[in-house]
Amino acid sequence: MSATDIPSPFDAPTPFWVLVNDRGERSLWPDWREVPAGWTPVFGPAPREECEASLHRP
């Protein structure tokens, strides 16, 4: 098995969150993972497509 055969958790059909840190950086994050320290949910949980769309909103 190569590294390209390993599925990404970001391809899973699961709800996602949009997180933001204190520098204003945004990240797409799967609902089943604990929110990392220093990040705050600002949108979600919602389908990936909705979260991706919200990444580009101010």
PDB file of N, CA and C in Angstrom:
ATOM      1  N   MET A   1       0.847  -1.181   0.000  1.00  0.00           N
ATOM      2  CA  MET A   1       0.000   0.000   0.000  1.00  0.00           C
ATOM      3  C   MET A   1       0.893   1.245   0.000  1.00  0.00           C
ATOM      4  N   SER A   2       0.614   2.153  -0.886  1.00  0.00           N
ATOM      5  CA  SER A   2       1.392   3.387  -0.943  1.00  0.00           C
ATOM      6  C   SER A   2       0.647   4.498  -0.201  1.00  0.00           C
ATOM      7  N   ALA A   3       1.328   5.599   0.004  1.00  0.00           N
ATOM      8  CA  ALA A   3       0.722   6.736   0.708  1.00  0.00           C
ATOM      9  C   ALA A   3      -0.486   7.273  -0.054  1.00  0.00           C
ATOM     10  N   THR A   4      -0.499   7.125  -1.365  1.00  0.00           N
ATOM     11  CA  THR A   4      -1.632   7.620  -2.148  1.00  0.00           C
ATOM     12  C   THR A   4      -2.858   6.727  -2.012  1.00  0.00           C
ATOM     13  N   ASP A   5      -2.690   5.508  -1.471  1.00  0.00           N
ATOM     14  CA  ASP A   5      -3.811   4.598  -1.269  1.00  0.00           C
ATOM     15  C   ASP A   5      -4.515   4.813   0.069  1.00  0.00           C
ATOM     16  N   ILE A   6      -3.931   5.610   0.938  1.00  0.00           N
ATOM     17  CA  ILE A   6      -4.496   5.854   2.256  1.00  0.00           C
ATOM     18  C   ILE A   6      -5.577   6.926   2.132  1.00  0.00           C
ATOM     19  N   PRO A   7      -6.809   6.630   2.544  1.00  0.00           N
ATOM     20  CA  PRO A   7      -7.887   7.621   2.414  1.00  0.00           C
ATOM     21  C   PRO A   7      -7.670   8.804   3.358  1.00  0.00           C
ATOM     22  N   SER A   8      -8.064   9.953   2.905  1.00  0.00           N
ATOM     23  CA  SER A   8      -7.972  11.167   3.706  1.00  0.00           C
ATOM     24  C   SER A   8      -9.223  11.323   4.559  1.00  0.00           C
ATOM     25  N   PRO A   9      -9.090  11.732   5.815  1.00  0.00           N
ATOM     26  CA  PRO A   9     -10.285  11.968   6.637  1.00  0.00           C
ATOM     27  C   PRO A   9     -11.136  13.100   6.075  1.00  0.00           C
ATOM     28  N   PHE A  10     -10.560  13.934   5.218  1.00  0.00           N
ATOM     29  CA  PHE A  10     -11.298  15.047   4.632  1.00  0.00           C
ATOM     30  C   PHE A  10     -12.149  14.613   3.450  1.00  0.00           C
ATOM     31  N   ASP A  11     -12.010  13.347   3.029  1.00  0.00           N
ATOM     32  CA  ASP A  11     -12.847  12.800   1.972  1.00  0.00           C
ATOM     33  C   ASP A  11     -14.046  12.044   2.529  1.00  0.00           C
ATOM     34  N   ALA A  12     -14.122  11.904   3.824  1.00  0.00           N
ATOM     35  CA  ALA A  12     -15.204  11.157   4.464  1.00  0.00           C
ATOM     36  C   ALA A  12     -16.526  11.921   4.338  1.00  0.00           C
ATOM     37  N   PRO A  13     -17.634  11.202   4.179  1.00  0.00           N
ATOM     38  CA  PRO A  13     -18.946  11.864   4.098  1.00  0.00           C
ATOM     39  C   PRO A  13     -19.462  12.199   5.499  1.00  0.00           C
ATOM     40  N   THR A  14     -18.812  13.101   6.148  1.00  0.00           N
ATOM     41  CA  THR A  14     -19.122  13.459   7.525  1.00  0.00           C
ATOM     42  C   THR A  14     -19.358  14.959   7.601  1.00  0.00           C
ATOM     43  N   PRO A  15     -20.067  15.434   8.607  1.00  0.00           N
ATOM     44  CA  PRO A  15     -20.163  16.892   8.777  1.00  0.00           C
ATOM     45  C   PRO A  15     -18.787  17.487   9.083  1.00  0.00           C
ATOM     46  N   PHE A  16     -18.630  18.736   8.731  1.00  0.00           N
ATOM     47  CA  PHE A  16     -17.386  19.458   8.971  1.00  0.00           C
ATOM     48  C   PHE A  16     -17.671  20.747   9.722  1.00  0.00           C
ATOM     49  N   TRP A  17     -16.617  21.313  10.260  1.00  0.00           N
ATOM     50  CA  TRP A  17     -16.618  22.630  10.899  1.00  0.00           C
ATOM     51  C   TRP A  17     -15.668  23.529  10.122  1.00  0.00           C
ATOM     52  N   VAL A  18     -15.900  24.818  10.203  1.00  0.00           N
ATOM     53  CA  VAL A  18     -14.901  25.798   9.797  1.00  0.00           C
ATOM     54  C   VAL A  18     -14.367  26.373  11.094  1.00  0.00           C
ATOM     55  N   LEU A  19     -13.047  26.290  11.245  1.00  0.00           N
ATOM     56  CA  LEU A  19     -12.390  26.801  12.441  1.00  0.00           C
ATOM     57  C   LEU A  19     -11.606  28.055  12.092  1.00  0.00           C
ATOM     58  N   VAL A  20     -11.374  28.896  13.091  1.00  0.00           N
ATOM     59  CA  VAL A  20     -10.532  30.081  12.917  1.00  0.00           C
ATOM     60  C   VAL A  20      -9.593  30.175  14.115  1.00  0.00           C
ATOM     61  N   ASN A  21      -8.370  30.647  13.848  1.00  0.00           N
ATOM     62  CA  ASN A  21      -7.431  30.853  14.948  1.00  0.00           C
ATOM     63  C   ASN A  21      -7.274  32.349  15.210  1.00  0.00           C
ATOM     64  N   ASP A  22      -6.433  32.709  16.177  1.00  0.00           N
ATOM     65  CA  ASP A  22      -6.313  34.122  16.535  1.00  0.00           C
ATOM     66  C   ASP A  22      -5.605  34.957  15.483  1.00  0.00           C
ATOM     67  N   ARG A  23      -5.032  34.338  14.464  1.00  0.00           N
ATOM     68  CA  ARG A  23      -4.442  35.096  13.344  1.00  0.00           C
ATOM     69  C   ARG A  23      -5.431  35.256  12.200  1.00  0.00           C
ATOM     70  N   GLY A  24      -6.667  34.749  12.391  1.00  0.00           N
ATOM     71  CA  GLY A  24      -7.691  34.884  11.371  1.00  0.00           C
ATOM     72  C   GLY A  24      -7.619  33.823  10.287  1.00  0.00           C
ATOM     73  N   GLU A  25      -6.752  32.824  10.462  1.00  0.00           N
ATOM     74  CA  GLU A  25      -6.646  31.745   9.486  1.00  0.00           C
ATOM     75  C   GLU A  25      -7.832  30.807   9.677  1.00  0.00           C
ATOM     76  N   ARG A  26      -8.361  30.299   8.571  1.00  0.00           N
ATOM     77  CA  ARG A  26      -9.510  29.396   8.624  1.00  0.00           C
ATOM     78  C   ARG A  26      -9.097  28.004   8.187  1.00  0.00           C
ATOM     79  N   SER A  27      -9.803  27.004   8.719  1.00  0.00           N
ATOM     80  CA  SER A  27      -9.498  25.617   8.406  1.00  0.00           C
ATOM     81  C   SER A  27     -10.781  24.804   8.353  1.00  0.00           C
ATOM     82  N   LEU A  28     -10.820  23.854   7.431  1.00  0.00           N
ATOM     83  CA  LEU A  28     -11.899  22.888   7.358  1.00  0.00           C
ATOM     84  C   LEU A  28     -11.541  21.744   8.293  1.00  0.00           C
ATOM     85  N   TRP A  29     -12.490  21.325   9.139  1.00  0.00           N
ATOM     86  CA  TRP A  29     -12.172  20.315  10.158  1.00  0.00           C
ATOM     87  C   TRP A  29     -13.301  19.308  10.275  1.00  0.00           C
ATOM     88  N   PRO A  30     -12.992  17.998  10.249  1.00  0.00           N
ATOM     89  CA  PRO A  30     -14.054  16.993  10.363  1.00  0.00           C
ATOM     90  C   PRO A  30     -14.679  16.983  11.757  1.00  0.00           C
ATOM     91  N   ASP A  31     -15.988  16.759  11.778  1.00  0.00           N
ATOM     92  CA  ASP A  31     -16.763  16.790  13.026  1.00  0.00           C
ATOM     93  C   ASP A  31     -16.297  15.751  14.041  1.00  0.00           C
ATOM     94  N   TRP A  32     -15.793  14.621  13.573  1.00  0.00           N
ATOM     95  CA  TRP A  32     -15.418  13.545  14.488  1.00  0.00           C
ATOM     96  C   TRP A  32     -14.080  13.798  15.180  1.00  0.00           C
ATOM     97  N   ARG A  33     -13.345  14.821  14.756  1.00  0.00           N
ATOM     98  CA  ARG A  33     -12.065  15.140  15.400  1.00  0.00           C
ATOM     99  C   ARG A  33     -12.260  16.232  16.441  1.00  0.00           C
ATOM    100  N   GLU A  34     -11.512  16.127  17.520  1.00  0.00           N
ATOM    101  CA  GLU A  34     -11.541  17.164  18.547  1.00  0.00           C
ATOM    102  C   GLU A  34     -10.959  18.458  17.983  1.00  0.00           C
ATOM    103  N   VAL A  35     -11.583  19.586  18.318  1.00  0.00           N
ATOM    104  CA  VAL A  35     -11.077  20.885  17.870  1.00  0.00           C
ATOM    105  C   VAL A  35      -9.740  21.136  18.560  1.00  0.00           C
ATOM    106  N   PRO A  36      -8.686  21.426  17.773  1.00  0.00           N
ATOM    107  CA  PRO A  36      -7.371  21.629  18.382  1.00  0.00           C
ATOM    108  C   PRO A  36      -7.299  22.926  19.188  1.00  0.00           C
ATOM    109  N   ALA A  37      -6.410  22.936  20.156  1.00  0.00           N
ATOM    110  CA  ALA A  37      -6.190  24.122  20.982  1.00  0.00           C
ATOM    111  C   ALA A  37      -5.826  25.302  20.086  1.00  0.00           C
ATOM    112  N   GLY A  38      -6.383  26.459  20.410  1.00  0.00           N
ATOM    113  CA  GLY A  38      -6.075  27.664  19.661  1.00  0.00           C
ATOM    114  C   GLY A  38      -7.006  27.907  18.478  1.00  0.00           C
ATOM    115  N   TRP A  39      -7.937  26.992  18.234  1.00  0.00           N
ATOM    116  CA  TRP A  39      -8.887  27.126  17.126  1.00  0.00           C
ATOM    117  C   TRP A  39     -10.303  27.201  17.690  1.00  0.00           C
ATOM    118  N   THR A  40     -11.170  27.984  17.030  1.00  0.00           N
ATOM    119  CA  THR A  40     -12.550  28.169  17.466  1.00  0.00           C
ATOM    120  C   THR A  40     -13.484  27.878  16.297  1.00  0.00           C
ATOM    121  N   PRO A  41     -14.520  27.059  16.513  1.00  0.00           N
ATOM    122  CA  PRO A  41     -15.500  26.832  15.448  1.00  0.00           C
ATOM    123  C   PRO A  41     -16.271  28.122  15.146  1.00  0.00           C
ATOM    124  N   VAL A  42     -16.422  28.444  13.859  1.00  0.00           N
ATOM    125  CA  VAL A  42     -17.184  29.630  13.458  1.00  0.00           C
ATOM    126  C   VAL A  42     -18.319  29.289  12.500  1.00  0.00           C
ATOM    127  N   PHE A  43     -18.352  28.028  12.016  1.00  0.00           N
ATOM    128  CA  PHE A  43     -19.429  27.594  11.133  1.00  0.00           C
ATOM    129  C   PHE A  43     -19.519  26.079  11.206  1.00  0.00           C
ATOM    130  N   GLY A  44     -20.749  25.577  11.217  1.00  0.00           N
ATOM    131  CA  GLY A  44     -20.948  24.136  11.204  1.00  0.00           C
ATOM    132  C   GLY A  44     -21.544  23.652  12.511  1.00  0.00           C
ATOM    133  N   PRO A  45     -21.700  22.367  12.614  1.00  0.00           N
ATOM    134  CA  PRO A  45     -21.346  21.361  11.627  1.00  0.00           C
ATOM    135  C   PRO A  45     -22.310  21.416  10.442  1.00  0.00           C
ATOM    136  N   ALA A  46     -21.753  21.156   9.266  1.00  0.00           N
ATOM    137  CA  ALA A  46     -22.519  21.215   8.026  1.00  0.00           C
ATOM    138  C   ALA A  46     -21.829  20.343   6.990  1.00  0.00           C
ATOM    139  N   PRO A  47     -22.513  20.063   5.868  1.00  0.00           N
ATOM    140  CA  PRO A  47     -21.853  19.308   4.804  1.00  0.00           C
ATOM    141  C   PRO A  47     -20.605  20.021   4.310  1.00  0.00           C
ATOM    142  N   ARG A  48     -19.663  19.246   3.826  1.00  0.00           N
ATOM    143  CA  ARG A  48     -18.382  19.783   3.364  1.00  0.00           C
ATOM    144  C   ARG A  48     -18.559  20.951   2.396  1.00  0.00           C
ATOM    145  N   GLU A  49     -19.483  20.815   1.435  1.00  0.00           N
ATOM    146  CA  GLU A  49     -19.662  21.858   0.422  1.00  0.00           C
ATOM    147  C   GLU A  49     -20.047  23.196   1.052  1.00  0.00           C
ATOM    148  N   GLU A  50     -20.932  23.157   2.056  1.00  0.00           N
ATOM    149  CA  GLU A  50     -21.334  24.392   2.731  1.00  0.00           C
ATOM    150  C   GLU A  50     -20.159  24.998   3.495  1.00  0.00           C
ATOM    151  N   CYS A  51     -19.386  24.145   4.148  1.00  0.00           N
ATOM    152  CA  CYS A  51     -18.232  24.639   4.899  1.00  0.00           C
ATOM    153  C   CYS A  51     -17.184  25.229   3.962  1.00  0.00           C
ATOM    154  N   GLU A  52     -16.932  24.563   2.838  1.00  0.00           N
ATOM    155  CA  GLU A  52     -15.963  25.095   1.873  1.00  0.00           C
ATOM    156  C   GLU A  52     -16.411  26.458   1.359  1.00  0.00           C
ATOM    157  N   ALA A  53     -17.707  26.620   1.087  1.00  0.00           N
ATOM    158  CA  ALA A  53     -18.220  27.909   0.633  1.00  0.00           C
ATOM    159  C   ALA A  53     -18.020  28.984   1.693  1.00  0.00           C
ATOM    160  N   SER A  54     -18.192  28.618   2.962  1.00  0.00           N
ATOM    161  CA  SER A  54     -18.046  29.610   4.032  1.00  0.00           C
ATOM    162  C   SER A  54     -16.580  29.979   4.291  1.00  0.00           C
ATOM    163  N   LEU A  55     -15.659  29.169   3.827  1.00  0.00           N
ATOM    164  CA  LEU A  55     -14.229  29.489   4.008  1.00  0.00           C
ATOM    165  C   LEU A  55     -13.864  30.786   3.294  1.00  0.00           C
ATOM    166  N   HIS A  56     -14.580  31.102   2.250  1.00  0.00           N
ATOM    167  CA  HIS A  56     -14.244  32.266   1.415  1.00  0.00           C
ATOM    168  C   HIS A  56     -15.076  33.497   1.740  1.00  0.00           C
ATOM    169  N   ARG A  57     -15.929  33.389   2.762  1.00  0.00           N
ATOM    170  CA  ARG A  57     -16.715  34.540   3.195  1.00  0.00           C
ATOM    171  C   ARG A  57     -15.943  35.305   4.253  1.00  0.00           C
ATOM    172  N   PRO A  58     -16.108  36.612   4.277  1.00  0.00           N
ATOM    173  CA  PRO A  58     -15.412  37.415   5.335  1.00  0.00           C
ATOM    174  C   PRO A  58     -15.934  37.138   6.717  1.00  0.00           C
TER     175      PRO A  58
END
